[in-house]
PDB file of N, CA and C in Angstrom:
ATOM      1  N   UNK A   1     -98.335   8.087-262.697  1.00  0.00           N
ATOM      2  CA  UNK A   1     -98.604   9.220-261.808  1.00  0.00           C
ATOM      3  C   UNK A   1     -97.392   9.447-260.903  1.00  0.00           C
ATOM      4  N   UNK A   2     -97.047  10.684-260.737  1.00  0.00           N
ATOM      5  CA  UNK A   2     -95.880  11.046-259.930  1.00  0.00           C
ATOM      6  C   UNK A   2     -96.222  11.028-258.445  1.00  0.00           C
ATOM      7  N   UNK A   3     -95.623  10.096-257.710  1.00  0.00           N
ATOM      8  CA  UNK A   3     -95.889   9.934-256.281  1.00  0.00           C
ATOM      9  C   UNK A   3     -95.529  11.186-255.482  1.00  0.00           C
ATOM     10  N   UNK A   4     -94.419  11.834-255.842  1.00  0.00           N
ATOM     11  CA  UNK A   4     -93.995  13.057-255.151  1.00  0.00           C
ATOM     12  C   UNK A   4     -95.069  14.132-255.284  1.00  0.00           C
ATOM     13  N   UNK A   5     -95.623  14.253-256.477  1.00  0.00           N
ATOM     14  CA  UNK A   5     -96.673  15.248-256.704  1.00  0.00           C
ATOM     15  C   UNK A   5     -97.922  14.919-255.884  1.00  0.00           C
ATOM     16  N   UNK A   6     -98.262  13.643-255.789  1.00  0.00           N
ATOM     17  CA  UNK A   6     -99.408  13.217-254.973  1.00  0.00           C
ATOM     18  C   UNK A   6     -99.206  13.632-253.518  1.00  0.00           C
ATOM     19  N   UNK A   7     -97.999  13.400-253.003  1.00  0.00           N
ATOM     20  CA  UNK A   7     -97.701  13.761-251.613  1.00  0.00           C
ATOM     21  C   UNK A   7     -97.794  15.264-251.401  1.00  0.00           C
ATOM     22  N   UNK A   8     -97.245  16.022-252.343  1.00  0.00           N
ATOM     23  CA  UNK A   8     -97.293  17.488-252.244  1.00  0.00           C
ATOM     24  C   UNK A   8     -98.745  17.983-252.264  1.00  0.00           C
ATOM     25  N   UNK A   9     -99.551  17.372-253.120  1.00  0.00           N
ATOM     26  CA  UNK A   9    -100.971  17.749-253.205  1.00  0.00           C
ATOM     27  C   UNK A   9    -101.687  17.459-251.898  1.00  0.00           C
ATOM     28  N   UNK A  10    -101.399  16.307-251.314  1.00  0.00           N
ATOM     29  CA  UNK A  10    -102.029  15.908-250.052  1.00  0.00           C
ATOM     30  C   UNK A  10    -101.629  16.879-248.929  1.00  0.00           C
ATOM     31  N   UNK A  11    -100.352  17.214-248.867  1.00  0.00           N
ATOM     32  CA  UNK A  11     -99.867  18.172-247.865  1.00  0.00           C
ATOM     33  C   UNK A  11    -100.576  19.514-248.066  1.00  0.00           C
ATOM     34  N   UNK A  12    -100.645  19.962-249.302  1.00  0.00           N
ATOM     35  CA  UNK A  12    -101.294  21.240-249.616  1.00  0.00           C
ATOM     36  C   UNK A  12    -102.766  21.220-249.187  1.00  0.00           C
ATOM     37  N   UNK A  13    -103.445  20.103-249.432  1.00  0.00           N
ATOM     38  CA  UNK A  13    -104.861  19.981-249.025  1.00  0.00           C
ATOM     39  C   UNK A  13    -105.009  20.061-247.516  1.00  0.00           C
ATOM     40  N   UNK A  14    -104.148  19.314-246.799  1.00  0.00           N
ATOM     41  CA  UNK A  14    -104.213  19.332-245.336  1.00  0.00           C
ATOM     42  C   UNK A  14    -103.955  20.732-244.780  1.00  0.00           C
ATOM     43  N   UNK A  15    -102.935  21.403-245.312  1.00  0.00           N
ATOM     44  CA  UNK A  15    -102.616  22.747-244.842  1.00  0.00           C
ATOM     45  C   UNK A  15    -103.716  23.743-245.199  1.00  0.00           C
ATOM     46  N   UNK A  16    -104.360  23.505-246.315  1.00  0.00           N
ATOM     47  CA  UNK A  16    -105.462  24.362-246.745  1.00  0.00           C
ATOM     48  C   UNK A  16    -106.645  24.231-245.786  1.00  0.00           C
ATOM     49  N   UNK A  17    -106.933  23.005-245.354  1.00  0.00           N
ATOM     50  CA  UNK A  17    -108.013  22.780-244.376  1.00  0.00           C
ATOM     51  C   UNK A  17    -107.686  23.503-243.073  1.00  0.00           C
ATOM     52  N   UNK A  18    -106.445  23.391-242.616  1.00  0.00           N
ATOM     53  CA  UNK A  18    -106.035  24.030-241.364  1.00  0.00           C
ATOM     54  C   UNK A  18    -106.138  25.549-241.485  1.00  0.00           C
ATOM     55  N   UNK A  19    -105.750  26.087-242.617  1.00  0.00           N
ATOM     56  CA  UNK A  19    -105.854  27.536-242.860  1.00  0.00           C
ATOM     57  C   UNK A  19    -107.323  27.961-242.800  1.00  0.00           C
ATOM     58  N   UNK A  20    -108.167  27.188-243.464  1.00  0.00           N
ATOM     59  CA  UNK A  20    -109.596  27.484-243.538  1.00  0.00           C
ATOM     60  C   UNK A  20    -110.266  27.367-242.167  1.00  0.00           C
ATOM     61  N   UNK A  21    -109.954  26.306-241.446  1.00  0.00           N
ATOM     62  CA  UNK A  21    -110.635  26.025-240.178  1.00  0.00           C
ATOM     63  C   UNK A  21    -110.076  26.818-238.997  1.00  0.00           C
ATOM     64  N   UNK A  22    -108.748  26.951-238.936  1.00  0.00           N
ATOM     65  CA  UNK A  22    -108.118  27.562-237.756  1.00  0.00           C
ATOM     66  C   UNK A  22    -107.473  28.911-238.045  1.00  0.00           C
ATOM     67  N   UNK A  23    -107.470  29.298-239.317  1.00  0.00           N
ATOM     68  CA  UNK A  23    -106.817  30.536-239.736  1.00  0.00           C
ATOM     69  C   UNK A  23    -105.335  30.543-239.350  1.00  0.00           C
ATOM     70  N   UNK A  24    -104.687  29.397-239.519  1.00  0.00           N
ATOM     71  CA  UNK A  24    -103.258  29.274-239.238  1.00  0.00           C
ATOM     72  C   UNK A  24    -102.550  28.952-240.551  1.00  0.00           C
ATOM     73  N   UNK A  25    -101.642  29.841-240.930  1.00  0.00           N
ATOM     74  CA  UNK A  25    -100.831  29.635-242.133  1.00  0.00           C
ATOM     75  C   UNK A  25     -99.589  28.857-241.763  1.00  0.00           C
ATOM     76  N   UNK A  26     -99.307  27.803-242.488  1.00  0.00           N
ATOM     77  CA  UNK A  26     -98.097  27.046-242.206  1.00  0.00           C
ATOM     78  C   UNK A  26     -97.512  26.522-243.500  1.00  0.00           C
ATOM     79  N   UNK A  27     -96.194  26.551-243.565  1.00  0.00           N
ATOM     80  CA  UNK A  27     -95.489  25.982-244.713  1.00  0.00           C
ATOM     81  C   UNK A  27     -95.228  24.498-244.490  1.00  0.00           C
ATOM     82  N   UNK A  28     -95.200  24.097-243.222  1.00  0.00           N
ATOM     83  CA  UNK A  28     -94.861  22.718-242.897  1.00  0.00           C
ATOM     84  C   UNK A  28     -95.997  22.008-242.194  1.00  0.00           C
ATOM     85  N   UNK A  29     -95.757  20.755-241.854  1.00  0.00           N
ATOM     86  CA  UNK A  29     -96.802  19.922-241.275  1.00  0.00           C
ATOM     87  C   UNK A  29     -96.947  20.077-239.755  1.00  0.00           C
ATOM     88  N   UNK A  30     -96.011  20.793-239.137  1.00  0.00           N
ATOM     89  CA  UNK A  30     -96.124  21.010-237.691  1.00  0.00           C
ATOM     90  C   UNK A  30     -96.819  22.344-237.464  1.00  0.00           C
ATOM     91  N   UNK A  31     -98.013  22.265-236.884  1.00  0.00           N
ATOM     92  CA  UNK A  31     -98.871  23.437-236.725  1.00  0.00           C
ATOM     93  C   UNK A  31     -98.878  23.863-235.264  1.00  0.00           C
ATOM     94  N   UNK A  32     -98.614  25.133-235.023  1.00  0.00           N
ATOM     95  CA  UNK A  32     -98.696  25.678-233.665  1.00  0.00           C
ATOM     96  C   UNK A  32     -99.992  26.476-233.555  1.00  0.00           C
ATOM     97  N   UNK A  33    -100.884  26.010-232.682  1.00  0.00           N
ATOM     98  CA  UNK A  33    -102.172  26.686-232.491  1.00  0.00           C
ATOM     99  C   UNK A  33    -102.157  27.326-231.109  1.00  0.00           C
ATOM    100  N   UNK A  34    -102.130  28.653-231.090  1.00  0.00           N
ATOM    101  CA  UNK A  34    -101.965  29.370-229.830  1.00  0.00           C
ATOM    102  C   UNK A  34    -103.210  29.292-228.951  1.00  0.00           C
ATOM    103  N   UNK A  35    -102.975  28.940-227.688  1.00  0.00           N
ATOM    104  CA  UNK A  35    -104.035  28.890-226.690  1.00  0.00           C
ATOM    105  C   UNK A  35    -103.775  29.963-225.625  1.00  0.00           C
ATOM    106  N   UNK A  36    -102.495  30.063-225.199  1.00  0.00           N
ATOM    107  CA  UNK A  36    -102.110  31.149-224.314  1.00  0.00           C
ATOM    108  C   UNK A  36    -102.296  30.895-222.828  1.00  0.00           C
ATOM    109  N   UNK A  37    -102.739  29.699-222.467  1.00  0.00           N
ATOM    110  CA  UNK A  37    -102.995  29.403-221.054  1.00  0.00           C
ATOM    111  C   UNK A  37    -102.507  27.983-220.763  1.00  0.00           C
ATOM    112  N   UNK A  38    -101.551  27.872-219.834  1.00  0.00           N
ATOM    113  CA  UNK A  38    -100.940  26.564-219.557  1.00  0.00           C
ATOM    114  C   UNK A  38    -101.948  25.520-219.101  1.00  0.00           C
ATOM    115  N   UNK A  39    -102.905  25.920-218.271  1.00  0.00           N
ATOM    116  CA  UNK A  39    -103.892  24.970-217.757  1.00  0.00           C
ATOM    117  C   UNK A  39    -104.858  24.550-218.880  1.00  0.00           C
ATOM    118  N   UNK A  40    -105.297  25.525-219.637  1.00  0.00           N
ATOM    119  CA  UNK A  40    -106.256  25.289-220.721  1.00  0.00           C
ATOM    120  C   UNK A  40    -105.662  24.362-221.793  1.00  0.00           C
ATOM    121  N   UNK A  41    -104.388  24.559-222.100  1.00  0.00           N
ATOM    122  CA  UNK A  41    -103.757  23.763-223.147  1.00  0.00           C
ATOM    123  C   UNK A  41    -103.727  22.274-222.751  1.00  0.00           C
ATOM    124  N   UNK A  42    -103.556  22.000-221.462  1.00  0.00           N
ATOM    125  CA  UNK A  42    -103.583  20.606-220.987  1.00  0.00           C
ATOM    126  C   UNK A  42    -104.993  20.026-221.060  1.00  0.00           C
ATOM    127  N   UNK A  43    -105.996  20.844-220.743  1.00  0.00           N
ATOM    128  CA  UNK A  43    -107.392  20.390-220.847  1.00  0.00           C
ATOM    129  C   UNK A  43    -107.735  20.041-222.295  1.00  0.00           C
ATOM    130  N   UNK A  44    -107.310  20.893-223.220  1.00  0.00           N
ATOM    131  CA  UNK A  44    -107.584  20.655-224.641  1.00  0.00           C
ATOM    132  C   UNK A  44    -106.871  19.385-225.109  1.00  0.00           C
ATOM    133  N   UNK A  45    -105.625  19.208-224.672  1.00  0.00           N
ATOM    134  CA  UNK A  45    -104.879  18.012-225.041  1.00  0.00           C
ATOM    135  C   UNK A  45    -105.619  16.758-224.577  1.00  0.00           C
ATOM    136  N   UNK A  46    -106.144  16.787-223.358  1.00  0.00           N
ATOM    137  CA  UNK A  46    -106.879  15.637-222.823  1.00  0.00           C
ATOM    138  C   UNK A  46    -108.173  15.393-223.608  1.00  0.00           C
ATOM    139  N   UNK A  47    -108.899  16.452-223.899  1.00  0.00           N
ATOM    140  CA  UNK A  47    -110.136  16.333-224.685  1.00  0.00           C
ATOM    141  C   UNK A  47    -109.856  15.673-226.032  1.00  0.00           C
ATOM    142  N   UNK A  48    -108.807  16.133-226.710  1.00  0.00           N
ATOM    143  CA  UNK A  48    -108.473  15.559-228.008  1.00  0.00           C
ATOM    144  C   UNK A  48    -108.006  14.113-227.872  1.00  0.00           C
ATOM    145  N   UNK A  49    -107.249  13.823-226.816  1.00  0.00           N
ATOM    146  CA  UNK A  49    -106.784  12.449-226.596  1.00  0.00           C
ATOM    147  C   UNK A  49    -107.988  11.526-226.373  1.00  0.00           C
ATOM    148  N   UNK A  50    -108.974  11.995-225.614  1.00  0.00           N
ATOM    149  CA  UNK A  50    -110.186  11.207-225.378  1.00  0.00           C
ATOM    150  C   UNK A  50    -110.934  10.916-226.680  1.00  0.00           C
ATOM    151  N   UNK A  51    -110.758  11.789-227.666  1.00  0.00           N
ATOM    152  CA  UNK A  51    -111.387  11.609-228.986  1.00  0.00           C
ATOM    153  C   UNK A  51    -110.494  10.803-229.931  1.00  0.00           C
ATOM    154  N   UNK A  52    -109.317  10.414-229.444  1.00  0.00           N
ATOM    155  CA  UNK A  52    -108.422   9.587-230.262  1.00  0.00           C
ATOM    156  C   UNK A  52    -107.353  10.347-231.020  1.00  0.00           C
ATOM    157  N   UNK A  53    -107.154  11.623-230.681  1.00  0.00           N
ATOM    158  CA  UNK A  53    -106.149  12.440-231.372  1.00  0.00           C
ATOM    159  C   UNK A  53    -105.034  12.812-230.409  1.00  0.00           C
ATOM    160  N   UNK A  54    -103.797  12.535-230.809  1.00  0.00           N
ATOM    161  CA  UNK A  54    -102.654  12.847-229.974  1.00  0.00           C
ATOM    162  C   UNK A  54    -102.018  14.143-230.463  1.00  0.00           C
ATOM    163  N   UNK A  55    -102.044  15.161-229.615  1.00  0.00           N
ATOM    164  CA  UNK A  55    -101.421  16.449-229.934  1.00  0.00           C
ATOM    165  C   UNK A  55    -100.510  16.838-228.782  1.00  0.00           C
ATOM    166  N   UNK A  56     -99.574  17.724-229.059  1.00  0.00           N
ATOM    167  CA  UNK A  56     -98.677  18.202-228.015  1.00  0.00           C
ATOM    168  C   UNK A  56     -99.263  19.418-227.326  1.00  0.00           C
ATOM    169  N   UNK A  57     -99.044  19.506-226.015  1.00  0.00           N
ATOM    170  CA  UNK A  57     -99.423  20.691-225.249  1.00  0.00           C
ATOM    171  C   UNK A  57     -98.114  21.337-224.797  1.00  0.00           C
ATOM    172  N   UNK A  58     -97.715  22.379-225.494  1.00  0.00           N
ATOM    173  CA  UNK A  58     -96.433  23.019-225.202  1.00  0.00           C
ATOM    174  C   UNK A  58     -96.714  24.271-224.374  1.00  0.00           C
ATOM    175  N   UNK A  59     -96.118  24.290-223.170  1.00  0.00           N
ATOM    176  CA  UNK A  59     -96.450  25.357-222.228  1.00  0.00           C
ATOM    177  C   UNK A  59     -95.266  26.269-221.953  1.00  0.00           C
ATOM    178  N   UNK A  60     -95.603  27.392-221.320  1.00  0.00           N
ATOM    179  CA  UNK A  60     -94.553  28.294-220.839  1.00  0.00           C
ATOM    180  C   UNK A  60     -93.811  27.577-219.724  1.00  0.00           C
ATOM    181  N   UNK A  61     -92.520  27.745-219.570  1.00  0.00           N
ATOM    182  CA  UNK A  61     -91.654  28.699-220.280  1.00  0.00           C
ATOM    183  C   UNK A  61     -91.031  28.161-221.573  1.00  0.00           C
ATOM    184  N   UNK A  62     -91.391  26.940-221.992  1.00  0.00           N
ATOM    185  CA  UNK A  62     -90.821  26.395-223.236  1.00  0.00           C
ATOM    186  C   UNK A  62     -91.157  27.291-224.431  1.00  0.00           C
ATOM    187  N   UNK A  63     -92.369  27.808-224.446  1.00  0.00           N
ATOM    188  CA  UNK A  63     -92.801  28.755-225.485  1.00  0.00           C
ATOM    189  C   UNK A  63     -93.302  30.017-224.797  1.00  0.00           C
ATOM    190  N   UNK A  64     -93.343  31.111-225.560  1.00  0.00           N
ATOM    191  CA  UNK A  64     -93.771  32.397-225.000  1.00  0.00           C
ATOM    192  C   UNK A  64     -95.239  32.351-224.560  1.00  0.00           C
ATOM    193  N   UNK A  65     -96.049  31.675-225.356  1.00  0.00           N
ATOM    194  CA  UNK A  65     -97.476  31.555-225.080  1.00  0.00           C
ATOM    195  C   UNK A  65     -97.881  30.104-225.364  1.00  0.00           C
ATOM    196  N   UNK A  66     -98.646  29.498-224.465  1.00  0.00           N
ATOM    197  CA  UNK A  66     -98.988  28.070-224.578  1.00  0.00           C
ATOM    198  C   UNK A  66     -99.639  27.752-225.928  1.00  0.00           C
ATOM    199  N   UNK A  67     -99.202  26.629-226.506  1.00  0.00           N
ATOM    200  CA  UNK A  67     -99.743  26.220-227.811  1.00  0.00           C
ATOM    201  C   UNK A  67    -100.109  24.736-227.804  1.00  0.00           C
ATOM    202  N   UNK A  68    -101.023  24.409-228.708  1.00  0.00           N
ATOM    203  CA  UNK A  68    -101.250  23.016-229.070  1.00  0.00           C
ATOM    204  C   UNK A  68    -100.394  22.785-230.314  1.00  0.00           C
ATOM    205  N   UNK A  69     -99.599  21.709-230.293  1.00  0.00           N
ATOM    206  CA  UNK A  69     -98.801  21.379-231.473  1.00  0.00           C
ATOM    207  C   UNK A  69     -99.468  20.208-232.178  1.00  0.00           C
ATOM    208  N   UNK A  70     -99.886  20.476-233.382  1.00  0.00           N
ATOM    209  CA  UNK A  70    -100.587  19.496-234.201  1.00  0.00           C
ATOM    210  C   UNK A  70     -99.682  19.135-235.365  1.00  0.00           C
ATOM    211  N   UNK A  71     -99.482  17.853-235.587  1.00  0.00           N
ATOM    212  CA  UNK A  71     -98.696  17.421-236.743  1.00  0.00           C
ATOM    213  C   UNK A  71     -99.674  16.863-237.777  1.00  0.00           C
ATOM    214  N   UNK A  72     -99.805  17.602-238.866  1.00  0.00           N
ATOM    215  CA  UNK A  72    -100.777  17.254-239.909  1.00  0.00           C
ATOM    216  C   UNK A  72    -100.167  16.239-240.864  1.00  0.00           C
ATOM    217  N   UNK A  73     -99.943  15.044-240.359  1.00  0.00           N
ATOM    218  CA  UNK A  73     -99.307  14.003-241.169  1.00  0.00           C
ATOM    219  C   UNK A  73    -100.174  13.691-242.392  1.00  0.00           C
ATOM    220  N   UNK A  74     -99.516  13.256-243.444  1.00  0.00           N
ATOM    221  CA  UNK A  74    -100.246  13.026-244.690  1.00  0.00           C
ATOM    222  C   UNK A  74    -101.155  11.806-244.637  1.00  0.00           C
ATOM    223  N   UNK A  75    -100.969  10.932-243.652  1.00  0.00           N
ATOM    224  CA  UNK A  75    -101.843   9.760-243.586  1.00  0.00           C
ATOM    225  C   UNK A  75    -103.115  10.026-242.778  1.00  0.00           C
ATOM    226  N   UNK A  76    -103.310  11.272-242.366  1.00  0.00           N
ATOM    227  CA  UNK A  76    -104.549  11.629-241.667  1.00  0.00           C
ATOM    228  C   UNK A  76    -105.554  12.067-242.734  1.00  0.00           C
ATOM    229  N   UNK A  77    -106.743  11.485-242.695  1.00  0.00           N
ATOM    230  CA  UNK A  77    -107.698  11.875-243.728  1.00  0.00           C
ATOM    231  C   UNK A  77    -108.305  13.242-243.435  1.00  0.00           C
ATOM    232  N   UNK A  78    -108.895  13.834-244.459  1.00  0.00           N
ATOM    233  CA  UNK A  78    -109.403  15.202-244.368  1.00  0.00           C
ATOM    234  C   UNK A  78    -110.491  15.346-243.306  1.00  0.00           C
ATOM    235  N   UNK A  79    -111.342  14.330-243.173  1.00  0.00           N
ATOM    236  CA  UNK A  79    -112.406  14.393-242.165  1.00  0.00           C
ATOM    237  C   UNK A  79    -111.825  14.490-240.762  1.00  0.00           C
ATOM    238  N   UNK A  80    -110.762  13.734-240.492  1.00  0.00           N
ATOM    239  CA  UNK A  80    -110.138  13.789-239.170  1.00  0.00           C
ATOM    240  C   UNK A  80    -109.450  15.121-238.915  1.00  0.00           C
ATOM    241  N   UNK A  81    -108.845  15.691-239.941  1.00  0.00           N
ATOM    242  CA  UNK A  81    -108.234  17.015-239.773  1.00  0.00           C
ATOM    243  C   UNK A  81    -109.321  18.029-239.431  1.00  0.00           C
ATOM    244  N   UNK A  82    -110.443  17.951-240.146  1.00  0.00           N
ATOM    245  CA  UNK A  82    -111.558  18.868-239.865  1.00  0.00           C
ATOM    246  C   UNK A  82    -112.083  18.662-238.450  1.00  0.00           C
ATOM    247  N   UNK A  83    -112.163  17.409-238.006  1.00  0.00           N
ATOM    248  CA  UNK A  83    -112.658  17.115-236.664  1.00  0.00           C
ATOM    249  C   UNK A  83    -111.731  17.683-235.591  1.00  0.00           C
ATOM    250  N   UNK A  84    -110.421  17.508-235.770  1.00  0.00           N
ATOM    251  CA  UNK A  84    -109.453  18.068-234.818  1.00  0.00           C
ATOM    252  C   UNK A  84    -109.584  19.588-234.772  1.00  0.00           C
ATOM    253  N   UNK A  85    -109.685  20.205-235.924  1.00  0.00           N
ATOM    254  CA  UNK A  85    -109.813  21.670-235.982  1.00  0.00           C
ATOM    255  C   UNK A  85    -111.074  22.131-235.262  1.00  0.00           C
ATOM    256  N   UNK A  86    -112.158  21.420-235.491  1.00  0.00           N
ATOM    257  CA  UNK A  86    -113.434  21.746-234.838  1.00  0.00           C
ATOM    258  C   UNK A  86    -113.304  21.625-233.314  1.00  0.00           C
ATOM    259  N   UNK A  87    -112.698  20.546-232.856  1.00  0.00           N
ATOM    260  CA  UNK A  87    -112.498  20.358-231.417  1.00  0.00           C
ATOM    261  C   UNK A  87    -111.612  21.452-230.825  1.00  0.00           C
ATOM    262  N   UNK A  88    -110.572  21.831-231.554  1.00  0.00           N
ATOM    263  CA  UNK A  88    -109.690  22.894-231.078  1.00  0.00           C
ATOM    264  C   UNK A  88    -110.460  24.207-230.937  1.00  0.00           C
ATOM    265  N   UNK A  89    -111.261  24.542-231.952  1.00  0.00           N
ATOM    266  CA  UNK A  89    -112.031  25.788-231.899  1.00  0.00           C
ATOM    267  C   UNK A  89    -113.059  25.776-230.769  1.00  0.00           C
ATOM    268  N   UNK A  90    -113.744  24.640-230.601  1.00  0.00           N
ATOM    269  CA  UNK A  90    -114.792  24.536-229.578  1.00  0.00           C
ATOM    270  C   UNK A  90    -114.241  24.604-228.164  1.00  0.00           C
ATOM    271  N   UNK A  91    -113.014  24.143-227.982  1.00  0.00           N
ATOM    272  CA  UNK A  91    -112.454  24.044-226.632  1.00  0.00           C
ATOM    273  C   UNK A  91    -111.465  25.138-226.291  1.00  0.00           C
ATOM    274  N   UNK A  92    -111.225  26.035-227.224  1.00  0.00           N
ATOM    275  CA  UNK A  92    -110.223  27.078-227.024  1.00  0.00           C
ATOM    276  C   UNK A  92    -110.523  27.968-225.854  1.00  0.00           C
TER     277      UNK A  92
END
């Protein structure tokens, strides 16, 4: 079995879940999820951290509109990706 193909498939699956759950299209593993509020983005980051997920809270003026930066690493299982997406949607 081709290991490179396995990795590509896993990346594709993770990105597909993110597209389905958050409606965010990405070619790469670094996902920018727009929140648009500097205070809110920090609250969401804390909520996710309390659940065991480390995400970046990138605020203005670094970005035009505040975002959560999620890195969909290939060693994260699909259930955890779905859980992060659910938490992001619920707390947006």
